[in-house]
Amino acid sequence: MAKNTLTFFTKDLRARPTTFNNADGTTAKQIFDPSLEGSRVDGIVITSTDTVARTGLLQINNGGTISALGHISIPAGAGTNGSVAAVSGLNRGNLPWLKVDANGNPYINLNSGMNLEIRMLNAITSGQTIGVTVLGANYDA
């Protein structure tokens, strides 16, 4: 089989925000759906107004199989109270298997139908929210 001699570039930059609240309980929510040609996730920014630290489970759902990728620790007040930074959902401390690009930045490539989801392991405090913004791009021609 011949080597792949094509260079693939992303286009159609995307930012997709999702909010979690108490009513969501521990139900998984889709945070990113790749395009038909596949997509690259370059960042996941997580903020919290909750007064209690939470843990989210990052997973892929292809419509028939759910595969856990790892846990993400979310401190109380992350990115919202001025003293705790927002959380990087692509933290190699939590997800040591992540690939890094030539600049050392972690990323995830997703095929069409490999929807990225997060579910909280415990319900969020009533009246509080956790925000998840995924930054990515499509490989569409």
C-alpha atoms as a PDB file:
ATOM      1  CA  MET A   1       0.000   0.000   0.000  1.00  0.00           C
ATOM      2  CA  ALA A   2       1.300   3.439  -0.926  1.00  0.00           C
ATOM      3  CA  LYS A   3       2.141   6.033   1.701  1.00  0.00           C
ATOM      4  CA  ASN A   4      -0.321   8.805   2.358  1.00  0.00           C
ATOM      5  CA  THR A   5       1.173  11.814   0.560  1.00  0.00           C
ATOM      6  CA  LEU A   6      -1.724  14.183   1.223  1.00  0.00           C
ATOM      7  CA  THR A   7      -1.644  16.956   3.796  1.00  0.00           C
ATOM      8  CA  PHE A   8      -4.897  17.572   5.617  1.00  0.00           C
ATOM      9  CA  PHE A   9      -5.806  20.984   6.960  1.00  0.00           C
ATOM     10  CA  THR A  10      -8.720  21.990   9.129  1.00  0.00           C
ATOM     11  CA  LYS A  11     -11.177  24.712   8.213  1.00  0.00           C
ATOM     12  CA  ASP A  12     -14.561  25.874   9.448  1.00  0.00           C
ATOM     13  CA  LEU A  13     -13.447  26.741  12.974  1.00  0.00           C
ATOM     14  CA  ARG A  14     -16.070  25.861  15.543  1.00  0.00           C
ATOM     15  CA  ALA A  15     -16.820  26.807  19.134  1.00  0.00           C
ATOM     16  CA  ARG A  16     -19.622  24.910  20.786  1.00  0.00           C
ATOM     17  CA  PRO A  17     -20.824  25.904  24.280  1.00  0.00           C
ATOM     18  CA  THR A  18     -22.879  23.543  26.465  1.00  0.00           C
ATOM     19  CA  THR A  19     -24.271  24.208  29.940  1.00  0.00           C
ATOM     20  CA  PHE A  20     -24.870  21.657  32.687  1.00  0.00           C
ATOM     21  CA  ASN A  21     -27.166  22.307  35.644  1.00  0.00           C
ATOM     22  CA  ASN A  22     -28.824  20.408  38.477  1.00  0.00           C
ATOM     23  CA  ALA A  23     -31.687  19.146  36.284  1.00  0.00           C
ATOM     24  CA  ASP A  24     -29.166  17.297  34.072  1.00  0.00           C
ATOM     25  CA  GLY A  25     -28.209  15.035  36.995  1.00  0.00           C
ATOM     26  CA  THR A  26     -25.624  12.505  35.791  1.00  0.00           C
ATOM     27  CA  THR A  27     -26.977  12.244  32.240  1.00  0.00           C
ATOM     28  CA  ALA A  28     -24.348  12.594  29.493  1.00  0.00           C
ATOM     29  CA  LYS A  29     -24.629  15.587  27.168  1.00  0.00           C
ATOM     30  CA  GLN A  30     -23.097  15.919  23.720  1.00  0.00           C
ATOM     31  CA  ILE A  31     -20.458  18.636  23.682  1.00  0.00           C
ATOM     32  CA  PHE A  32     -19.136  18.195  20.122  1.00  0.00           C
ATOM     33  CA  ASP A  33     -20.322  16.437  16.982  1.00  0.00           C
ATOM     34  CA  PRO A  34     -17.742  15.989  14.215  1.00  0.00           C
ATOM     35  CA  SER A  35     -18.433  16.785  10.574  1.00  0.00           C
ATOM     36  CA  LEU A  36     -18.850  14.146   7.859  1.00  0.00           C
ATOM     37  CA  GLU A  37     -15.138  14.359   7.022  1.00  0.00           C
ATOM     38  CA  GLY A  38     -14.044  14.337  10.667  1.00  0.00           C
ATOM     39  CA  SER A  39     -13.017  17.062  13.060  1.00  0.00           C
ATOM     40  CA  ARG A  40     -10.220  18.023  15.390  1.00  0.00           C
ATOM     41  CA  VAL A  41     -10.853  19.182  18.952  1.00  0.00           C
ATOM     42  CA  ASP A  42      -8.130  21.631  20.016  1.00  0.00           C
ATOM     43  CA  GLY A  43      -9.524  22.759  23.340  1.00  0.00           C
ATOM     44  CA  ILE A  44     -12.174  22.130  25.965  1.00  0.00           C
ATOM     45  CA  VAL A  45     -12.710  25.030  28.381  1.00  0.00           C
ATOM     46  CA  ILE A  46     -14.662  24.211  31.543  1.00  0.00           C
ATOM     47  CA  THR A  47     -16.004  26.779  34.023  1.00  0.00           C
ATOM     48  CA  SER A  48     -18.147  26.341  37.129  1.00  0.00           C
ATOM     49  CA  THR A  49     -20.275  28.504  39.394  1.00  0.00           C
ATOM     50  CA  ASP A  50     -20.786  25.529  41.726  1.00  0.00           C
ATOM     51  CA  THR A  51     -19.506  25.868  45.288  1.00  0.00           C
ATOM     52  CA  VAL A  52     -18.496  22.191  45.318  1.00  0.00           C
ATOM     53  CA  ALA A  53     -15.748  20.589  43.223  1.00  0.00           C
ATOM     54  CA  ARG A  54     -17.136  18.230  40.568  1.00  0.00           C
ATOM     55  CA  THR A  55     -15.814  15.486  38.319  1.00  0.00           C
ATOM     56  CA  GLY A  56     -16.859  15.011  34.704  1.00  0.00           C
ATOM     57  CA  LEU A  57     -16.379  11.872  32.632  1.00  0.00           C
ATOM     58  CA  LEU A  58     -15.294  12.561  29.055  1.00  0.00           C
ATOM     59  CA  GLN A  59     -16.580   9.914  26.646  1.00  0.00           C
ATOM     60  CA  ILE A  60     -17.170   9.105  22.988  1.00  0.00           C
ATOM     61  CA  ASN A  61     -20.593   7.906  21.877  1.00  0.00           C
ATOM     62  CA  ASN A  62     -20.810   6.512  18.344  1.00  0.00           C
ATOM     63  CA  GLY A  63     -24.528   5.800  18.615  1.00  0.00           C
ATOM     64  CA  GLY A  64     -24.050   2.192  19.655  1.00  0.00           C
ATOM     65  CA  THR A  65     -21.011   2.119  21.906  1.00  0.00           C
ATOM     66  CA  ILE A  66     -19.967   4.494  24.658  1.00  0.00           C
ATOM     67  CA  SER A  67     -16.268   4.594  25.444  1.00  0.00           C
ATOM     68  CA  ALA A  68     -14.979   6.426  28.515  1.00  0.00           C
ATOM     69  CA  LEU A  69     -11.868   8.530  27.847  1.00  0.00           C
ATOM     70  CA  GLY A  70     -11.125   9.725  31.375  1.00  0.00           C
ATOM     71  CA  HIS A  71     -12.119  11.914  34.285  1.00  0.00           C
ATOM     72  CA  ILE A  72     -11.783  15.684  34.441  1.00  0.00           C
ATOM     73  CA  SER A  73     -11.579  17.376  37.849  1.00  0.00           C
ATOM     74  CA  ILE A  74     -13.510  20.660  38.039  1.00  0.00           C
ATOM     75  CA  PRO A  75     -12.720  22.834  41.095  1.00  0.00           C
ATOM     76  CA  ALA A  76     -15.444  24.922  42.734  1.00  0.00           C
ATOM     77  CA  GLY A  77     -15.711  28.324  41.051  1.00  0.00           C
ATOM     78  CA  ALA A  78     -13.381  27.385  38.167  1.00  0.00           C
ATOM     79  CA  GLY A  79     -13.024  30.309  35.774  1.00  0.00           C
ATOM     80  CA  THR A  80     -15.788  32.326  37.402  1.00  0.00           C
ATOM     81  CA  ASN A  81     -14.626  33.586  40.795  1.00  0.00           C
ATOM     82  CA  GLY A  82     -11.365  35.292  39.851  1.00  0.00           C
ATOM     83  CA  SER A  83      -9.102  33.074  41.934  1.00  0.00           C
ATOM     84  CA  VAL A  84      -9.519  29.651  40.282  1.00  0.00           C
ATOM     85  CA  ALA A  85      -8.573  29.263  36.617  1.00  0.00           C
ATOM     86  CA  ALA A  86     -10.882  27.682  34.075  1.00  0.00           C
ATOM     87  CA  VAL A  87     -10.132  23.999  33.516  1.00  0.00           C
ATOM     88  CA  SER A  88      -8.571  22.594  30.359  1.00  0.00           C
ATOM     89  CA  GLY A  89     -10.571  19.515  29.435  1.00  0.00           C
ATOM     90  CA  LEU A  90      -7.599  18.409  27.322  1.00  0.00           C
ATOM     91  CA  ASN A  91      -5.285  18.180  30.308  1.00  0.00           C
ATOM     92  CA  ARG A  92      -2.701  15.440  29.854  1.00  0.00           C
ATOM     93  CA  GLY A  93      -2.576  15.031  33.634  1.00  0.00           C
ATOM     94  CA  ASN A  94      -6.147  13.687  33.501  1.00  0.00           C
ATOM     95  CA  LEU A  95      -5.918  12.224  29.986  1.00  0.00           C
ATOM     96  CA  PRO A  96      -2.302  11.021  29.551  1.00  0.00           C
ATOM     97  CA  TRP A  97      -3.071   9.267  26.274  1.00  0.00           C
ATOM     98  CA  LEU A  98      -3.742  12.542  24.398  1.00  0.00           C
ATOM     99  CA  LYS A  99      -1.627  13.171  21.311  1.00  0.00           C
ATOM    100  CA  VAL A 100       0.204  16.475  21.011  1.00  0.00           C
ATOM    101  CA  ASP A 101       0.876  18.471  17.864  1.00  0.00           C
ATOM    102  CA  ALA A 102       4.229  19.893  16.761  1.00  0.00           C
ATOM    103  CA  ASN A 103       3.753  22.806  19.187  1.00  0.00           C
ATOM    104  CA  GLY A 104       3.039  20.539  22.161  1.00  0.00           C
ATOM    105  CA  ASN A 105      -0.702  21.258  22.210  1.00  0.00           C
ATOM    106  CA  PRO A 106      -3.018  18.301  22.982  1.00  0.00           C
ATOM    107  CA  TYR A 107      -5.830  17.439  20.569  1.00  0.00           C
ATOM    108  CA  ILE A 108      -8.376  14.751  19.694  1.00  0.00           C
ATOM    109  CA  ASN A 109      -9.265  13.705  16.136  1.00  0.00           C
ATOM    110  CA  LEU A 110     -12.835  12.476  15.731  1.00  0.00           C
ATOM    111  CA  ASN A 111     -14.428  10.586  12.854  1.00  0.00           C
ATOM    112  CA  SER A 112     -17.980  11.313  11.767  1.00  0.00           C
ATOM    113  CA  GLY A 113     -20.444   9.875  14.269  1.00  0.00           C
ATOM    114  CA  MET A 114     -17.934   9.839  17.152  1.00  0.00           C
ATOM    115  CA  ASN A 115     -19.759  12.356  19.319  1.00  0.00           C
ATOM    116  CA  LEU A 116     -17.864  13.754  22.277  1.00  0.00           C
ATOM    117  CA  GLU A 117     -19.852  13.824  25.531  1.00  0.00           C
ATOM    118  CA  ILE A 118     -19.406  14.664  29.198  1.00  0.00           C
ATOM    119  CA  ARG A 119     -21.439  13.430  32.113  1.00  0.00           C
ATOM    120  CA  MET A 120     -21.092  14.638  35.668  1.00  0.00           C
ATOM    121  CA  LEU A 121     -20.483  11.919  38.256  1.00  0.00           C
ATOM    122  CA  ASN A 122     -22.700  13.776  40.756  1.00  0.00           C
ATOM    123  CA  ALA A 123     -25.512  16.259  40.198  1.00  0.00           C
ATOM    124  CA  ILE A 124     -24.549  19.925  40.236  1.00  0.00           C
ATOM    125  CA  THR A 125     -25.781  22.056  43.152  1.00  0.00           C
ATOM    126  CA  SER A 126     -29.216  23.557  42.498  1.00  0.00           C
ATOM    127  CA  GLY A 127     -28.984  27.038  40.950  1.00  0.00           C
ATOM    128  CA  GLN A 128     -25.373  26.522  39.806  1.00  0.00           C
ATOM    129  CA  THR A 129     -23.942  25.719  36.360  1.00  0.00           C
ATOM    130  CA  ILE A 130     -20.935  24.166  34.689  1.00  0.00           C
ATOM    131  CA  GLY A 131     -20.091  25.521  31.256  1.00  0.00           C
ATOM    132  CA  VAL A 132     -18.193  23.470  28.686  1.00  0.00           C
ATOM    133  CA  THR A 133     -16.958  25.140  25.491  1.00  0.00           C
ATOM    134  CA  VAL A 134     -15.316  22.962  22.877  1.00  0.00           C
ATOM    135  CA  LEU A 135     -12.975  24.597  20.356  1.00  0.00           C
ATOM    136  CA  GLY A 136     -12.358  22.648  17.176  1.00  0.00           C
ATOM    137  CA  ALA A 137     -12.307  22.620  13.402  1.00  0.00           C
ATOM    138  CA  ASN A 138     -13.530  20.434  10.547  1.00  0.00           C
ATOM    139  CA  TYR A 139     -11.441  18.568   7.985  1.00  0.00           C
ATOM    140  CA  ASP A 140     -14.102  19.078   5.273  1.00  0.00           C
ATOM    141  CA  ALA A 141     -12.807  19.612   1.769  1.00  0.00           C
END
